[in-house]
PDB file of N, CA and C in Angstrom:
ATOM      1  N   UNK A   1     -41.162 -49.442  72.001  1.00  0.00           N
ATOM      2  CA  UNK A   1     -40.095 -49.418  71.006  1.00  0.00           C
ATOM      3  C   UNK A   1     -40.675 -50.456  69.806  1.00  0.00           C
ATOM      4  N   UNK A   2     -40.546 -50.085  68.533  1.00  0.00           N
ATOM      5  CA  UNK A   2     -41.016 -51.079  67.436  1.00  0.00           C
ATOM      6  C   UNK A   2     -39.762 -51.853  66.959  1.00  0.00           C
ATOM      7  N   UNK A   3     -39.922 -53.043  66.818  1.00  0.00           N
ATOM      8  CA  UNK A   3     -39.317 -54.038  66.121  1.00  0.00           C
ATOM      9  C   UNK A   3     -40.060 -54.888  65.339  1.00  0.00           C
ATOM     10  N   UNK A   4     -39.364 -54.697  64.171  1.00  0.00           N
ATOM     11  CA  UNK A   4     -39.871 -55.778  63.100  1.00  0.00           C
ATOM     12  C   UNK A   4     -39.616 -57.098  63.180  1.00  0.00           C
ATOM     13  N   UNK A   5     -40.520 -58.124  62.696  1.00  0.00           N
ATOM     14  CA  UNK A   5     -40.679 -59.386  62.697  1.00  0.00           C
ATOM     15  C   UNK A   5     -40.601 -59.948  61.166  1.00  0.00           C
ATOM     16  N   UNK A   6     -39.819 -60.938  60.912  1.00  0.00           N
ATOM     17  CA  UNK A   6     -40.007 -61.962  59.831  1.00  0.00           C
ATOM     18  C   UNK A   6     -40.483 -63.413  59.988  1.00  0.00           C
ATOM     19  N   UNK A   7     -41.184 -63.752  59.020  1.00  0.00           N
ATOM     20  CA  UNK A   7     -41.487 -65.243  59.232  1.00  0.00           C
ATOM     21  C   UNK A   7     -41.568 -65.755  57.725  1.00  0.00           C
ATOM     22  N   UNK A   8     -41.258 -66.830  57.104  1.00  0.00           N
ATOM     23  CA  UNK A   8     -41.344 -67.131  56.005  1.00  0.00           C
ATOM     24  C   UNK A   8     -40.811 -68.466  55.778  1.00  0.00           C
ATOM     25  N   UNK A   9     -40.550 -69.044  54.443  1.00  0.00           N
ATOM     26  CA  UNK A   9     -39.887 -70.253  53.944  1.00  0.00           C
ATOM     27  C   UNK A   9     -38.684 -70.072  52.941  1.00  0.00           C
ATOM     28  N   UNK A  10     -37.676 -70.583  53.020  1.00  0.00           N
ATOM     29  CA  UNK A  10     -36.206 -70.474  52.340  1.00  0.00           C
ATOM     30  C   UNK A  10     -36.393 -71.947  51.569  1.00  0.00           C
ATOM     31  N   UNK A  11     -35.875 -72.018  50.245  1.00  0.00           N
ATOM     32  CA  UNK A  11     -35.295 -73.140  49.660  1.00  0.00           C
ATOM     33  C   UNK A  11     -33.992 -73.067  48.779  1.00  0.00           C
ATOM     34  N   UNK A  12     -32.942 -73.604  48.837  1.00  0.00           N
ATOM     35  CA  UNK A  12     -31.689 -73.577  48.139  1.00  0.00           C
ATOM     36  C   UNK A  12     -30.862 -74.904  47.910  1.00  0.00           C
ATOM     37  N   UNK A  13     -29.982 -74.312  47.223  1.00  0.00           N
ATOM     38  CA  UNK A  13     -29.213 -75.674  46.987  1.00  0.00           C
ATOM     39  C   UNK A  13     -28.077 -75.475  46.252  1.00  0.00           C
ATOM     40  N   UNK A  14     -26.945 -76.231  45.896  1.00  0.00           N
ATOM     41  CA  UNK A  14     -25.900 -75.966  45.334  1.00  0.00           C
ATOM     42  C   UNK A  14     -25.342 -77.128  44.401  1.00  0.00           C
ATOM     43  N   UNK A  15     -25.230 -76.808  42.945  1.00  0.00           N
ATOM     44  CA  UNK A  15     -24.726 -77.837  42.258  1.00  0.00           C
ATOM     45  C   UNK A  15     -23.267 -77.706  41.784  1.00  0.00           C
ATOM     46  N   UNK A  16     -22.505 -78.584  41.910  1.00  0.00           N
ATOM     47  CA  UNK A  16     -21.265 -78.792  41.376  1.00  0.00           C
ATOM     48  C   UNK A  16     -20.712 -79.315  40.094  1.00  0.00           C
ATOM     49  N   UNK A  17     -19.869 -78.691  39.218  1.00  0.00           N
ATOM     50  CA  UNK A  17     -19.469 -78.956  38.067  1.00  0.00           C
ATOM     51  C   UNK A  17     -18.122 -78.705  37.870  1.00  0.00           C
ATOM     52  N   UNK A  18     -17.482 -80.143  38.504  1.00  0.00           N
ATOM     53  CA  UNK A  18     -16.032 -80.228  38.600  1.00  0.00           C
ATOM     54  C   UNK A  18     -15.409 -79.051  39.633  1.00  0.00           C
ATOM     55  N   UNK A  19     -14.670 -78.161  38.818  1.00  0.00           N
ATOM     56  CA  UNK A  19     -13.894 -76.978  39.861  1.00  0.00           C
ATOM     57  C   UNK A  19     -15.219 -76.020  40.013  1.00  0.00           C
ATOM     58  N   UNK A  20     -16.162 -75.790  39.462  1.00  0.00           N
ATOM     59  CA  UNK A  20     -16.979 -74.835  39.667  1.00  0.00           C
ATOM     60  C   UNK A  20     -18.455 -75.300  40.324  1.00  0.00           C
ATOM     61  N   UNK A  21     -18.881 -74.387  41.248  1.00  0.00           N
ATOM     62  CA  UNK A  21     -20.144 -74.709  41.775  1.00  0.00           C
ATOM     63  C   UNK A  21     -21.084 -73.266  41.604  1.00  0.00           C
ATOM     64  N   UNK A  22     -22.465 -73.316  41.885  1.00  0.00           N
ATOM     65  CA  UNK A  22     -23.328 -72.628  41.591  1.00  0.00           C
ATOM     66  C   UNK A  22     -24.354 -72.941  42.666  1.00  0.00           C
ATOM     67  N   UNK A  23     -24.639 -72.073  43.549  1.00  0.00           N
ATOM     68  CA  UNK A  23     -25.683 -71.756  44.770  1.00  0.00           C
ATOM     69  C   UNK A  23     -26.551 -70.926  44.452  1.00  0.00           C
ATOM     70  N   UNK A  24     -27.923 -71.107  44.883  1.00  0.00           N
ATOM     71  CA  UNK A  24     -29.120 -70.455  44.798  1.00  0.00           C
ATOM     72  C   UNK A  24     -29.848 -70.515  46.002  1.00  0.00           C
ATOM     73  N   UNK A  25     -30.133 -69.587  46.577  1.00  0.00           N
ATOM     74  CA  UNK A  25     -31.001 -69.539  47.883  1.00  0.00           C
ATOM     75  C   UNK A  25     -32.422 -68.514  47.819  1.00  0.00           C
ATOM     76  N   UNK A  26     -33.559 -68.910  47.644  1.00  0.00           N
ATOM     77  CA  UNK A  26     -34.509 -67.942  47.719  1.00  0.00           C
ATOM     78  C   UNK A  26     -35.432 -67.890  48.894  1.00  0.00           C
ATOM     79  N   UNK A  27     -35.968 -66.843  49.351  1.00  0.00           N
ATOM     80  CA  UNK A  27     -36.662 -66.915  50.708  1.00  0.00           C
ATOM     81  C   UNK A  27     -37.761 -65.836  50.278  1.00  0.00           C
ATOM     82  N   UNK A  28     -38.989 -66.491  50.742  1.00  0.00           N
ATOM     83  CA  UNK A  28     -40.333 -65.851  50.797  1.00  0.00           C
ATOM     84  C   UNK A  28     -40.937 -65.540  52.086  1.00  0.00           C
ATOM     85  N   UNK A  29     -40.763 -64.318  52.629  1.00  0.00           N
ATOM     86  CA  UNK A  29     -41.195 -63.952  53.776  1.00  0.00           C
ATOM     87  C   UNK A  29     -42.207 -62.773  53.878  1.00  0.00           C
ATOM     88  N   UNK A  30     -42.596 -62.587  55.326  1.00  0.00           N
ATOM     89  CA  UNK A  30     -43.643 -61.587  55.550  1.00  0.00           C
ATOM     90  C   UNK A  30     -42.748 -60.828  56.640  1.00  0.00           C
ATOM     91  N   UNK A  31     -42.759 -59.473  56.312  1.00  0.00           N
ATOM     92  CA  UNK A  31     -41.818 -58.605  57.240  1.00  0.00           C
ATOM     93  C   UNK A  31     -43.109 -57.700  57.808  1.00  0.00           C
ATOM     94  N   UNK A  32     -43.000 -57.624  59.185  1.00  0.00           N
ATOM     95  CA  UNK A  32     -44.036 -56.914  59.919  1.00  0.00           C
ATOM     96  C   UNK A  32     -43.687 -55.125  59.698  1.00  0.00           C
ATOM     97  N   UNK A  33     -44.733 -54.685  59.842  1.00  0.00           N
ATOM     98  CA  UNK A  33     -44.658 -52.955  59.752  1.00  0.00           C
ATOM     99  C   UNK A  33     -44.669 -52.408  61.263  1.00  0.00           C
ATOM    100  N   UNK A  34     -45.057 -51.276  61.299  1.00  0.00           N
ATOM    101  CA  UNK A  34     -45.411 -50.840  62.664  1.00  0.00           C
ATOM    102  C   UNK A  34     -46.193 -51.406  63.417  1.00  0.00           C
ATOM    103  N   UNK A  35     -45.996 -52.073  64.797  1.00  0.00           N
ATOM    104  CA  UNK A  35     -46.736 -52.457  65.846  1.00  0.00           C
ATOM    105  C   UNK A  35     -47.283 -53.724  65.416  1.00  0.00           C
ATOM    106  N   UNK A  36     -46.682 -54.559  64.427  1.00  0.00           N
ATOM    107  CA  UNK A  36     -47.122 -55.830  63.920  1.00  0.00           C
ATOM    108  C   UNK A  36     -48.633 -56.183  63.290  1.00  0.00           C
ATOM    109  N   UNK A  37     -49.047 -54.790  62.667  1.00  0.00           N
ATOM    110  CA  UNK A  37     -50.220 -54.699  62.340  1.00  0.00           C
ATOM    111  C   UNK A  37     -50.285 -55.117  60.431  1.00  0.00           C
ATOM    112  N   UNK A  38     -49.330 -54.296  59.862  1.00  0.00           N
ATOM    113  CA  UNK A  38     -49.396 -54.557  58.205  1.00  0.00           C
ATOM    114  C   UNK A  38     -48.031 -55.416  58.242  1.00  0.00           C
ATOM    115  N   UNK A  39     -48.228 -56.350  57.241  1.00  0.00           N
ATOM    116  CA  UNK A  39     -47.173 -57.031  56.508  1.00  0.00           C
ATOM    117  C   UNK A  39     -47.115 -56.901  55.334  1.00  0.00           C
ATOM    118  N   UNK A  40     -45.644 -57.128  55.133  1.00  0.00           N
ATOM    119  CA  UNK A  40     -45.320 -56.755  53.444  1.00  0.00           C
ATOM    120  C   UNK A  40     -44.657 -58.193  53.076  1.00  0.00           C
ATOM    121  N   UNK A  41     -45.136 -58.749  52.005  1.00  0.00           N
ATOM    122  CA  UNK A  41     -44.481 -60.059  51.313  1.00  0.00           C
ATOM    123  C   UNK A  41     -43.120 -59.350  50.637  1.00  0.00           C
ATOM    124  N   UNK A  42     -41.913 -60.237  51.034  1.00  0.00           N
ATOM    125  CA  UNK A  42     -40.593 -59.970  50.195  1.00  0.00           C
ATOM    126  C   UNK A  42     -40.102 -61.466  49.448  1.00  0.00           C
ATOM    127  N   UNK A  43     -39.963 -61.355  48.512  1.00  0.00           N
ATOM    128  CA  UNK A  43     -39.059 -62.402  48.071  1.00  0.00           C
ATOM    129  C   UNK A  43     -37.267 -61.998  47.974  1.00  0.00           C
ATOM    130  N   UNK A  44     -36.642 -62.449  48.486  1.00  0.00           N
ATOM    131  CA  UNK A  44     -35.182 -62.302  48.751  1.00  0.00           C
ATOM    132  C   UNK A  44     -34.257 -63.473  48.026  1.00  0.00           C
ATOM    133  N   UNK A  45     -33.209 -63.069  47.369  1.00  0.00           N
ATOM    134  CA  UNK A  45     -32.505 -64.338  46.666  1.00  0.00           C
ATOM    135  C   UNK A  45     -31.003 -64.076  46.764  1.00  0.00           C
ATOM    136  N   UNK A  46     -30.339 -65.027  46.634  1.00  0.00           N
ATOM    137  CA  UNK A  46     -28.683 -65.009  46.580  1.00  0.00           C
ATOM    138  C   UNK A  46     -28.487 -66.169  45.451  1.00  0.00           C
ATOM    139  N   UNK A  47     -27.500 -65.301  44.831  1.00  0.00           N
ATOM    140  CA  UNK A  47     -26.996 -66.489  43.611  1.00  0.00           C
ATOM    141  C   UNK A  47     -25.466 -66.385  43.701  1.00  0.00           C
ATOM    142  N   UNK A  48     -24.913 -67.461  43.705  1.00  0.00           N
ATOM    143  CA  UNK A  48     -23.438 -67.572  44.042  1.00  0.00           C
ATOM    144  C   UNK A  48     -22.561 -68.341  43.243  1.00  0.00           C
ATOM    145  N   UNK A  49     -21.608 -67.881  42.216  1.00  0.00           N
ATOM    146  CA  UNK A  49     -20.583 -68.963  41.582  1.00  0.00           C
ATOM    147  C   UNK A  49     -19.415 -68.742  42.023  1.00  0.00           C
ATOM    148  N   UNK A  50     -18.961 -70.070  42.107  1.00  0.00           N
ATOM    149  CA  UNK A  50     -17.517 -69.804  42.471  1.00  0.00           C
ATOM    150  C   UNK A  50     -16.638 -71.022  41.453  1.00  0.00           C
ATOM    151  N   UNK A  51     -15.402 -70.705  41.278  1.00  0.00           N
ATOM    152  CA  UNK A  51     -14.498 -71.489  40.587  1.00  0.00           C
ATOM    153  C   UNK A  51     -13.424 -71.638  41.410  1.00  0.00           C
ATOM    154  N   UNK A  52     -12.834 -72.920  41.637  1.00  0.00           N
ATOM    155  CA  UNK A  52     -11.714 -73.150  42.192  1.00  0.00           C
ATOM    156  C   UNK A  52     -10.242 -73.154  41.458  1.00  0.00           C
ATOM    157  N   UNK A  53      -9.441 -72.539  41.935  1.00  0.00           N
ATOM    158  CA  UNK A  53      -8.015 -71.973  41.205  1.00  0.00           C
ATOM    159  C   UNK A  53      -7.359 -73.243  41.457  1.00  0.00           C
ATOM    160  N   UNK A  54      -7.500 -73.488  43.022  1.00  0.00           N
ATOM    161  CA  UNK A  54      -6.498 -74.598  43.732  1.00  0.00           C
ATOM    162  C   UNK A  54      -7.114 -75.129  44.741  1.00  0.00           C
ATOM    163  N   UNK A  55      -6.828 -76.020  45.414  1.00  0.00           N
ATOM    164  CA  UNK A  55      -7.249 -76.445  46.479  1.00  0.00           C
ATOM    165  C   UNK A  55      -7.844 -75.614  47.636  1.00  0.00           C
ATOM    166  N   UNK A  56      -6.852 -74.547  47.697  1.00  0.00           N
ATOM    167  CA  UNK A  56      -7.419 -73.384  48.491  1.00  0.00           C
ATOM    168  C   UNK A  56      -7.663 -71.953  48.497  1.00  0.00           C
ATOM    169  N   UNK A  57      -7.830 -71.875  46.942  1.00  0.00           N
ATOM    170  CA  UNK A  57      -8.106 -70.732  46.252  1.00  0.00           C
ATOM    171  C   UNK A  57      -9.101 -70.726  45.489  1.00  0.00           C
ATOM    172  N   UNK A  58     -10.134 -69.766  45.283  1.00  0.00           N
ATOM    173  CA  UNK A  58     -11.164 -69.693  44.475  1.00  0.00           C
ATOM    174  C   UNK A  58     -11.601 -68.073  43.784  1.00  0.00           C
ATOM    175  N   UNK A  59     -12.303 -68.041  42.905  1.00  0.00           N
ATOM    176  CA  UNK A  59     -12.853 -66.686  42.474  1.00  0.00           C
ATOM    177  C   UNK A  59     -14.491 -67.045  42.616  1.00  0.00           C
ATOM    178  N   UNK A  60     -15.175 -65.665  42.921  1.00  0.00           N
ATOM    179  CA  UNK A  60     -16.465 -65.930  43.051  1.00  0.00           C
ATOM    180  C   UNK A  60     -16.923 -64.682  42.618  1.00  0.00           C
ATOM    181  N   UNK A  61     -18.306 -64.791  42.334  1.00  0.00           N
ATOM    182  CA  UNK A  61     -19.286 -63.795  41.910  1.00  0.00           C
ATOM    183  C   UNK A  61     -20.576 -63.974  42.622  1.00  0.00           C
ATOM    184  N   UNK A  62     -21.223 -63.138  43.138  1.00  0.00           N
ATOM    185  CA  UNK A  62     -22.256 -63.060  43.862  1.00  0.00           C
ATOM    186  C   UNK A  62     -23.468 -62.198  43.705  1.00  0.00           C
ATOM    187  N   UNK A  63     -24.532 -62.474  43.734  1.00  0.00           N
ATOM    188  CA  UNK A  63     -25.753 -61.519  43.461  1.00  0.00           C
ATOM    189  C   UNK A  63     -26.791 -61.592  44.649  1.00  0.00           C
ATOM    190  N   UNK A  64     -27.447 -60.476  45.334  1.00  0.00           N
ATOM    191  CA  UNK A  64     -27.927 -60.535  46.470  1.00  0.00           C
ATOM    192  C   UNK A  64     -29.112 -59.630  46.117  1.00  0.00           C
ATOM    193  N   UNK A  65     -30.354 -60.024  46.191  1.00  0.00           N
ATOM    194  CA  UNK A  65     -31.481 -59.440  46.216  1.00  0.00           C
ATOM    195  C   UNK A  65     -32.171 -59.440  47.602  1.00  0.00           C
ATOM    196  N   UNK A  66     -32.352 -58.250  48.302  1.00  0.00           N
ATOM    197  CA  UNK A  66     -32.789 -57.957  49.688  1.00  0.00           C
ATOM    198  C   UNK A  66     -33.544 -56.800  49.840  1.00  0.00           C
ATOM    199  N   UNK A  67     -34.956 -57.222  50.233  1.00  0.00           N
ATOM    200  CA  UNK A  67     -36.098 -56.251  50.246  1.00  0.00           C
ATOM    201  C   UNK A  67     -35.833 -55.115  49.430  1.00  0.00           C
ATOM    202  N   UNK A  68     -35.929 -55.670  48.158  1.00  0.00           N
ATOM    203  CA  UNK A  68     -36.135 -54.906  46.940  1.00  0.00           C
ATOM    204  C   UNK A  68     -34.768 -53.835  46.396  1.00  0.00           C
ATOM    205  N   UNK A  69     -33.818 -54.299  46.956  1.00  0.00           N
ATOM    206  CA  UNK A  69     -32.465 -53.624  46.726  1.00  0.00           C
ATOM    207  C   UNK A  69     -31.373 -54.554  46.109  1.00  0.00           C
ATOM    208  N   UNK A  70     -30.681 -54.299  45.040  1.00  0.00           N
ATOM    209  CA  UNK A  70     -29.810 -55.310  44.482  1.00  0.00           C
ATOM    210  C   UNK A  70     -28.276 -55.200  44.821  1.00  0.00           C
ATOM    211  N   UNK A  71     -27.527 -56.209  44.935  1.00  0.00           N
ATOM    212  CA  UNK A  71     -26.159 -56.034  45.234  1.00  0.00           C
ATOM    213  C   UNK A  71     -25.645 -57.024  44.681  1.00  0.00           C
ATOM    214  N   UNK A  72     -24.267 -56.824  44.581  1.00  0.00           N
ATOM    215  CA  UNK A  72     -23.477 -57.491  43.856  1.00  0.00           C
ATOM    216  C   UNK A  72     -21.888 -57.784  44.342  1.00  0.00           C
ATOM    217  N   UNK A  73     -21.088 -58.781  44.438  1.00  0.00           N
ATOM    218  CA  UNK A  73     -19.549 -58.893  44.348  1.00  0.00           C
ATOM    219  C   UNK A  73     -19.070 -59.754  43.888  1.00  0.00           C
ATOM    220  N   UNK A  74     -17.713 -59.444  43.468  1.00  0.00           N
ATOM    221  CA  UNK A  74     -16.760 -60.446  42.969  1.00  0.00           C
ATOM    222  C   UNK A  74     -15.625 -60.421  43.751  1.00  0.00           C
ATOM    223  N   UNK A  75     -14.785 -61.411  43.679  1.00  0.00           N
ATOM    224  CA  UNK A  75     -13.614 -61.700  44.479  1.00  0.00           C
ATOM    225  C   UNK A  75     -12.842 -62.587  44.308  1.00  0.00           C
ATOM    226  N   UNK A  76     -11.574 -62.742  45.363  1.00  0.00           N
ATOM    227  CA  UNK A  76     -11.010 -63.924  44.906  1.00  0.00           C
ATOM    228  C   UNK A  76     -10.484 -64.324  46.625  1.00  0.00           C
ATOM    229  N   UNK A  77     -10.856 -65.590  46.926  1.00  0.00           N
ATOM    230  CA  UNK A  77     -10.398 -65.896  48.312  1.00  0.00           C
ATOM    231  C   UNK A  77      -9.407 -66.941  48.439  1.00  0.00           C
ATOM    232  N   UNK A  78      -8.413 -67.037  49.326  1.00  0.00           N
ATOM    233  CA  UNK A  78      -7.685 -67.782  49.739  1.00  0.00           C
ATOM    234  C   UNK A  78      -7.720 -68.343  51.035  1.00  0.00           C
ATOM    235  N   UNK A  79      -7.611 -69.550  51.291  1.00  0.00           N
ATOM    236  CA  UNK A  79      -7.844 -69.904  52.870  1.00  0.00           C
ATOM    237  C   UNK A  79      -6.353 -70.360  53.295  1.00  0.00           C
ATOM    238  N   UNK A  80      -5.828 -69.468  54.487  1.00  0.00           N
ATOM    239  CA  UNK A  80      -4.341 -70.007  54.868  1.00  0.00           C
ATOM    240  C   UNK A  80      -4.596 -71.275  55.632  1.00  0.00           C
TER     241      UNK A  80
END
């Protein structure tokens, strides 16, 4: 049975600007192909922005690039 493997490095951080915050994580890795013979280099990233509306509620927007696919999301979160 074939199982892919990944290995690499990741660097990330968060900066806060009052009620807003911005987070960026970037990963550079190698993903093995069939039988661990060939490796493909991948650069993946997450960029997320949040804005606090209150102590327990915030709005957010996020962008994810994973293995060449682009995804995004927006929403509101409330912690009970």
